[in-house]
Amino acid sequence: MLRPPLRTTLLLLAVSASLLGCDAPSKEKEPGRTPASAQALQAVLPYFEQGWAMNKLWEDGLAEVATYDAERVIYKKKRAFEYTMITVKEEFNQEFNVKTDDYKRADLFPVMKINQFCSIQADQYPYHYLTSLFFRRDQPVALYKMTTSSQEWCGNTFKSIIDDGVNFEMWYHSYWDGEGSNSRDLRRDLFLEDALPYTLRSLKFDQKPAFDLTVLDLQQTNRAKPPVYYQAHLTTTETPATASSPAAWRVAVKLAPDKENTYLFAKEYPNILLSQTTWDGRTLQLKAQRRYAYWPK
């Protein structure tokens, strides 16, 4: 597979710097999947419907657009805002590793894109976040690519994660001292916390699965700190209908003894996320959903 132009450019710059006697940015190394960790990842796959996204629902040319009432703590205060999550099937080409404009190419493959966007007004200025997650259509568990960015009055931060076949490779560009511009290898046997609202939709809920998993901490931030890996435990229960909410599947992900996230998913396919509550004060509550082509003609 050809590498994306950004990565190729950065590699050429690093080689050029070396030839000129300059100090090229160093990569932070992280071991790839060991046999034990690979076995651990394989062990959880039976709890998921690998063909979850193969349903013909995603072939109608439309996107699922879900809007949530949300809260997040910024500067030690809870901020209320609207959060939008978009799920849609796209065709990627391998040459550029992005959505294709030419559908006659021979290197196309289908992915599911999940865009997560919000604008949060703080006391002095707004925060903007956009995260794009991509999964091969027939693999709802294994991340293929992620980009996430933040913009606020202090500066921009951008991070990308790409599966290079051995590790997850992250490139990051941040305005924070000590986090400026570099790359690091991440473990590949993990789940992204950012991706759980999508990945967990493919659980075999009827089996009420419970298992251990490795979770990479939230990347939808304005920082590019070293990764935090949680050795988490997931449990699934059924919640009955109430006067204010329908019956749902409740998934709890215990990241640490004092850190637990909970997710409620609709019982009927496509098992949309109904609500989310995380240990650090982030909440989502579904208020509207529809299928439509949000892109301009």
Protein backbone atom coordinates (compact mmCIF):
# COMPACT_ATOMS: atom_id res chain seq x y z
CA MET A 1 0.00 0.00 0.00
CA LEU A 2 1.34 3.47 -0.84
CA ARG A 3 1.88 5.82 2.06
CA PRO A 4 -0.13 9.04 2.40
CA PRO A 5 1.57 12.15 1.00
CA LEU A 6 1.90 13.77 4.47
CA ARG A 7 3.86 10.87 5.89
CA THR A 8 6.03 10.64 2.75
CA THR A 9 6.81 14.36 2.92
CA LEU A 10 7.74 14.21 6.59
CA LEU A 11 10.00 11.21 6.04
CA LEU A 12 11.80 13.00 3.19
CA LEU A 13 12.27 16.07 5.38
CA ALA A 14 13.75 13.92 8.13
CA VAL A 15 16.22 12.30 5.68
CA SER A 16 17.18 15.71 4.27
CA ALA A 17 17.80 17.08 7.76
CA SER A 18 20.04 14.12 8.54
CA LEU A 19 22.09 14.66 5.38
CA LEU A 20 22.53 18.34 6.23
CA GLY A 21 23.75 17.53 9.72
CA CYS A 22 20.57 18.83 11.39
CA ASP A 23 18.80 17.09 14.24
CA ALA A 24 15.63 15.56 12.81
CA PRO A 25 12.69 15.01 15.15
CA SER A 26 13.04 11.74 16.99
CA LYS A 27 10.26 9.18 17.05
CA GLU A 28 8.97 7.91 20.35
CA LYS A 29 9.06 4.13 20.16
CA GLU A 30 6.42 1.78 21.44
CA PRO A 31 6.61 -2.00 20.95
CA GLY A 32 4.19 -3.46 18.46
CA ARG A 33 1.91 -6.36 19.18
CA THR A 34 3.61 -9.13 21.10
CA PRO A 35 2.25 -12.65 20.65
CA ALA A 36 0.54 -12.37 24.04
CA SER A 37 -1.12 -9.05 23.21
CA ALA A 38 -2.13 -10.28 19.76
CA GLN A 39 -3.80 -13.26 21.40
CA ALA A 40 -5.55 -10.91 23.83
CA LEU A 41 -6.93 -8.88 20.94
CA GLN A 42 -8.07 -11.98 19.09
CA ALA A 43 -9.74 -13.23 22.24
CA VAL A 44 -12.23 -10.35 22.31
CA LEU A 45 -13.22 -10.45 18.64
CA PRO A 46 -15.87 -13.18 19.14
CA TYR A 47 -17.82 -10.72 21.29
CA PHE A 48 -18.35 -8.48 18.24
CA GLU A 49 -20.37 -8.82 15.04
CA GLN A 50 -17.62 -8.43 12.44
CA GLY A 51 -20.24 -7.93 9.73
CA TRP A 52 -22.14 -5.27 11.69
CA ALA A 53 -21.53 -2.53 9.10
CA MET A 54 -22.26 -4.79 6.12
CA ASN A 55 -26.00 -4.19 6.54
CA LYS A 56 -27.64 -2.69 3.43
CA LEU A 57 -28.76 0.27 5.55
CA TRP A 58 -25.37 1.87 4.92
CA GLU A 59 -25.69 1.55 1.14
CA ASP A 60 -28.46 4.15 0.68
CA GLY A 61 -25.98 6.96 0.00
CA LEU A 62 -27.02 8.81 3.15
CA ALA A 63 -25.33 9.55 6.44
CA GLU A 64 -26.62 8.90 9.93
CA VAL A 65 -26.47 12.28 11.67
CA ALA A 66 -27.04 12.13 15.43
CA THR A 67 -27.19 15.26 17.58
CA TYR A 68 -26.61 15.20 21.33
CA ASP A 69 -27.02 17.54 24.26
CA ALA A 70 -23.55 17.46 25.76
CA GLU A 71 -21.44 18.61 28.69
CA ARG A 72 -17.69 18.77 29.16
CA VAL A 73 -15.48 20.29 31.85
CA ILE A 74 -13.27 23.15 30.61
CA TYR A 75 -11.39 25.37 33.05
CA LYS A 76 -12.96 23.46 35.95
CA LYS A 77 -16.51 24.32 34.89
CA LYS A 78 -19.14 22.21 33.12
CA ARG A 79 -19.94 23.63 29.70
CA ALA A 80 -23.16 22.78 27.87
CA PHE A 81 -23.04 22.47 24.08
CA GLU A 82 -24.29 20.47 21.09
CA TYR A 83 -22.35 17.46 19.86
CA THR A 84 -22.81 15.95 16.40
CA MET A 85 -21.82 12.41 15.42
CA ILE A 86 -21.92 11.44 11.73
CA THR A 87 -21.66 7.82 10.56
CA VAL A 88 -21.47 7.06 6.83
CA LYS A 89 -19.96 4.57 4.39
CA GLU A 90 -17.28 5.89 2.07
CA GLU A 91 -14.98 4.50 -0.61
CA PHE A 92 -11.26 5.03 0.07
CA ASN A 93 -8.44 4.70 -2.43
CA GLN A 94 -5.15 3.22 -1.31
CA GLU A 95 -2.94 5.73 -3.11
CA PHE A 96 -3.99 8.72 -1.00
CA ASN A 97 -5.72 6.90 1.86
CA VAL A 98 -8.76 9.21 1.69
CA LYS A 99 -12.27 9.24 0.21
CA THR A 100 -11.98 8.84 -3.55
CA ASP A 101 -13.31 11.13 -6.25
CA ASP A 102 -12.76 8.51 -8.95
CA TYR A 103 -14.97 5.45 -8.51
CA LYS A 104 -13.38 3.64 -11.47
CA ARG A 105 -10.05 3.18 -9.71
CA ALA A 106 -8.79 -0.34 -9.06
CA ASP A 107 -7.55 0.37 -5.53
CA LEU A 108 -10.87 1.19 -3.82
CA PHE A 109 -12.08 -0.30 -0.55
CA PRO A 110 -15.06 0.60 1.68
CA VAL A 111 -14.72 2.22 5.08
CA MET A 112 -17.06 3.54 7.73
CA LYS A 113 -16.37 7.15 8.69
CA ILE A 114 -17.39 8.52 12.07
CA ASN A 115 -17.09 12.28 12.44
CA GLN A 116 -17.45 13.84 15.89
CA PHE A 117 -17.80 17.62 15.97
CA CYS A 118 -18.50 20.23 18.63
CA SER A 119 -18.03 23.90 19.42
CA ILE A 120 -17.83 24.71 23.13
CA GLN A 121 -18.10 28.25 24.44
CA ALA A 122 -15.84 28.86 27.45
CA ASP A 123 -15.64 32.10 29.43
CA GLN A 124 -13.24 33.88 27.10
CA TYR A 125 -13.37 32.06 23.77
CA PRO A 126 -14.76 28.92 22.06
CA TYR A 127 -13.15 25.52 21.67
CA HIS A 128 -13.66 23.60 18.41
CA TYR A 129 -13.06 19.88 18.08
CA LEU A 130 -13.36 17.58 15.06
CA THR A 131 -12.40 13.91 15.19
CA SER A 132 -12.61 11.61 12.15
CA LEU A 133 -12.41 7.85 12.73
CA PHE A 134 -12.20 5.33 9.91
CA PHE A 135 -12.78 1.58 10.08
CA ARG A 136 -12.71 -0.91 7.25
CA ARG A 137 -16.35 -1.74 6.67
CA ASP A 138 -15.96 -5.42 7.58
CA GLN A 139 -13.82 -4.68 10.66
CA PRO A 140 -15.73 -2.57 13.22
CA VAL A 141 -13.17 -3.25 15.96
CA ALA A 142 -9.77 -2.56 14.37
CA LEU A 143 -9.15 1.14 13.75
CA TYR A 144 -7.79 1.94 10.30
CA LYS A 145 -7.17 5.69 10.55
CA MET A 146 -7.93 8.61 12.85
CA THR A 147 -7.42 12.36 12.63
CA THR A 148 -8.37 14.81 15.36
CA SER A 149 -7.90 18.54 15.66
CA SER A 150 -8.65 21.35 18.08
CA GLN A 151 -8.74 25.08 17.50
CA GLU A 152 -9.05 27.82 20.12
CA TRP A 153 -7.52 31.22 20.68
CA CYS A 154 -4.31 29.80 22.13
CA GLY A 155 -3.54 27.70 19.05
CA ASN A 156 -4.08 24.59 16.92
CA THR A 157 -3.39 20.95 17.72
CA PHE A 158 -3.56 18.12 15.17
CA LYS A 159 -3.03 14.38 15.64
CA SER A 160 -3.29 11.48 13.22
CA ILE A 161 -3.12 7.73 13.82
CA ILE A 162 -2.62 5.27 10.96
CA ASP A 163 -2.30 1.50 11.07
CA ASP A 164 1.03 0.77 9.39
CA GLY A 165 0.67 -3.00 9.77
CA VAL A 166 3.02 -3.27 12.76
CA ASN A 167 2.03 -0.42 15.08
CA PHE A 168 -0.36 2.45 15.15
CA GLU A 169 1.76 5.38 14.00
CA MET A 170 0.83 8.79 15.42
CA TRP A 171 1.94 12.14 14.02
CA TYR A 172 1.19 15.16 16.16
CA HIS A 173 1.55 18.93 15.86
CA SER A 174 0.73 20.96 18.97
CA TYR A 175 1.23 24.51 20.20
CA TRP A 176 2.20 23.25 23.69
CA ASP A 177 5.84 23.41 24.79
CA GLY A 178 7.40 19.96 24.66
CA GLU A 179 4.64 18.64 22.38
CA GLY A 180 5.39 20.63 19.24
CA SER A 181 5.87 18.37 16.22
CA ASN A 182 6.88 14.73 16.34
CA SER A 183 5.69 11.18 15.89
CA ARG A 184 5.35 8.13 18.08
CA ASP A 185 4.50 4.46 17.71
CA LEU A 186 1.46 3.28 19.65
CA ARG A 187 0.39 -0.18 20.64
CA ARG A 188 -1.82 -1.82 18.04
CA ASP A 189 -3.76 -4.17 20.32
CA LEU A 190 -6.03 -1.46 21.68
CA PHE A 191 -9.38 0.28 21.48
CA LEU A 192 -9.53 4.07 21.21
CA GLU A 193 -11.71 5.71 23.82
CA ASP A 194 -12.80 8.14 21.09
CA ALA A 195 -14.04 5.21 18.99
CA LEU A 196 -16.07 3.37 21.64
CA PRO A 197 -19.39 5.08 20.69
CA TYR A 198 -19.01 3.36 17.29
CA THR A 199 -17.12 0.16 18.10
CA LEU A 200 -19.41 -0.88 20.93
CA ARG A 201 -22.44 -0.73 18.61
CA SER A 202 -21.21 -3.99 17.10
CA LEU A 203 -21.20 -5.95 20.35
CA LYS A 204 -23.20 -9.19 20.46
CA PHE A 205 -25.46 -7.63 23.06
CA ASP A 206 -27.69 -10.68 23.48
CA GLN A 207 -24.73 -12.56 24.91
CA LYS A 208 -24.18 -9.79 27.49
CA PRO A 209 -20.42 -9.92 26.92
CA ALA A 210 -17.87 -9.19 29.63
CA PHE A 211 -14.14 -9.12 28.92
CA ASP A 212 -10.85 -7.27 29.42
CA LEU A 213 -9.51 -4.82 26.87
CA THR A 214 -6.80 -2.20 26.45
CA VAL A 215 -8.08 1.35 25.92
CA LEU A 216 -6.09 4.35 24.68
CA ASP A 217 -7.09 7.53 26.51
CA LEU A 218 -9.18 10.26 24.86
CA GLN A 219 -7.46 11.98 21.93
CA GLN A 220 -10.10 14.67 21.30
CA THR A 221 -8.13 17.23 23.29
CA ASN A 222 -5.84 20.18 22.60
CA ARG A 223 -2.82 18.32 24.01
CA ALA A 224 -0.36 15.82 22.51
CA LYS A 225 0.80 14.18 25.72
CA PRO A 226 2.31 10.66 25.81
CA PRO A 227 -0.40 8.01 25.55
CA VAL A 228 -2.14 6.52 28.56
CA TYR A 229 -3.16 2.86 28.23
CA TYR A 230 -5.91 1.57 30.48
CA GLN A 231 -6.23 -2.13 31.25
CA ALA A 232 -10.01 -1.96 31.27
CA HIS A 233 -12.89 -4.32 31.93
CA LEU A 234 -16.16 -4.22 29.99
CA THR A 235 -19.55 -5.47 31.16
CA THR A 236 -22.94 -5.48 29.42
CA THR A 237 -26.37 -5.38 31.01
CA GLU A 238 -29.92 -4.77 29.86
CA THR A 239 -31.81 -1.75 31.20
CA PRO A 240 -35.62 -1.81 31.23
CA ALA A 241 -37.78 0.89 29.71
CA THR A 242 -38.91 3.75 31.91
CA ALA A 243 -41.36 6.61 31.48
CA SER A 244 -38.57 8.79 30.11
CA SER A 245 -36.35 6.31 28.25
CA PRO A 246 -36.66 3.12 26.17
CA ALA A 247 -35.13 -0.23 27.02
CA ALA A 248 -31.44 -0.24 26.13
CA TRP A 249 -28.14 -2.05 26.38
CA ARG A 250 -25.86 -0.60 29.04
CA VAL A 251 -22.13 -1.04 28.50
CA ALA A 252 -19.78 -0.12 31.35
CA VAL A 253 -16.04 0.24 30.65
CA LYS A 254 -14.05 0.37 33.88
CA LEU A 255 -10.76 1.98 32.96
CA ALA A 256 -9.38 2.07 36.50
CA PRO A 257 -10.80 1.60 40.01
CA ASP A 258 -11.99 5.22 40.09
CA LYS A 259 -12.61 5.72 36.35
CA GLU A 260 -15.67 4.23 34.64
CA ASN A 261 -17.47 5.18 31.43
CA THR A 262 -21.03 4.06 30.68
CA TYR A 263 -22.77 3.91 27.32
CA LEU A 264 -26.43 3.21 26.52
CA PHE A 265 -27.24 1.79 23.07
CA ALA A 266 -30.60 1.28 21.39
CA LYS A 267 -31.72 -2.34 21.38
CA GLU A 268 -32.67 -2.32 17.70
CA TYR A 269 -30.19 -2.18 14.83
CA PRO A 270 -28.25 0.01 14.12
CA ASN A 271 -27.90 0.28 17.93
CA ILE A 272 -27.33 4.02 18.00
CA LEU A 273 -25.68 5.55 21.06
CA LEU A 274 -28.43 6.95 23.28
CA SER A 275 -26.28 8.41 26.05
CA GLN A 276 -22.77 8.46 27.44
CA THR A 277 -21.33 9.37 30.83
CA THR A 278 -17.58 9.37 31.41
CA TRP A 279 -15.44 9.54 34.53
CA ASP A 280 -14.06 12.99 33.60
CA GLY A 281 -17.44 14.71 33.31
CA ARG A 282 -18.29 14.32 29.61
CA THR A 283 -21.93 13.49 28.91
CA LEU A 284 -24.00 12.91 25.77
CA GLN A 285 -27.78 12.60 25.54
CA LEU A 286 -29.32 11.88 22.15
CA LYS A 287 -31.86 14.52 21.13
CA ALA A 288 -32.26 13.99 17.36
CA GLN A 289 -31.19 11.67 14.58
CA ARG A 290 -31.86 11.43 10.87
CA ARG A 291 -30.40 10.05 7.66
CA TYR A 292 -29.58 12.55 4.95
CA ALA A 293 -26.87 13.75 2.60
CA TYR A 294 -25.37 16.61 4.60
CA TRP A 295 -22.78 17.49 1.93
CA PRO A 296 -23.69 20.22 -0.62
CA LYS A 297 -24.57 19.20 -4.15
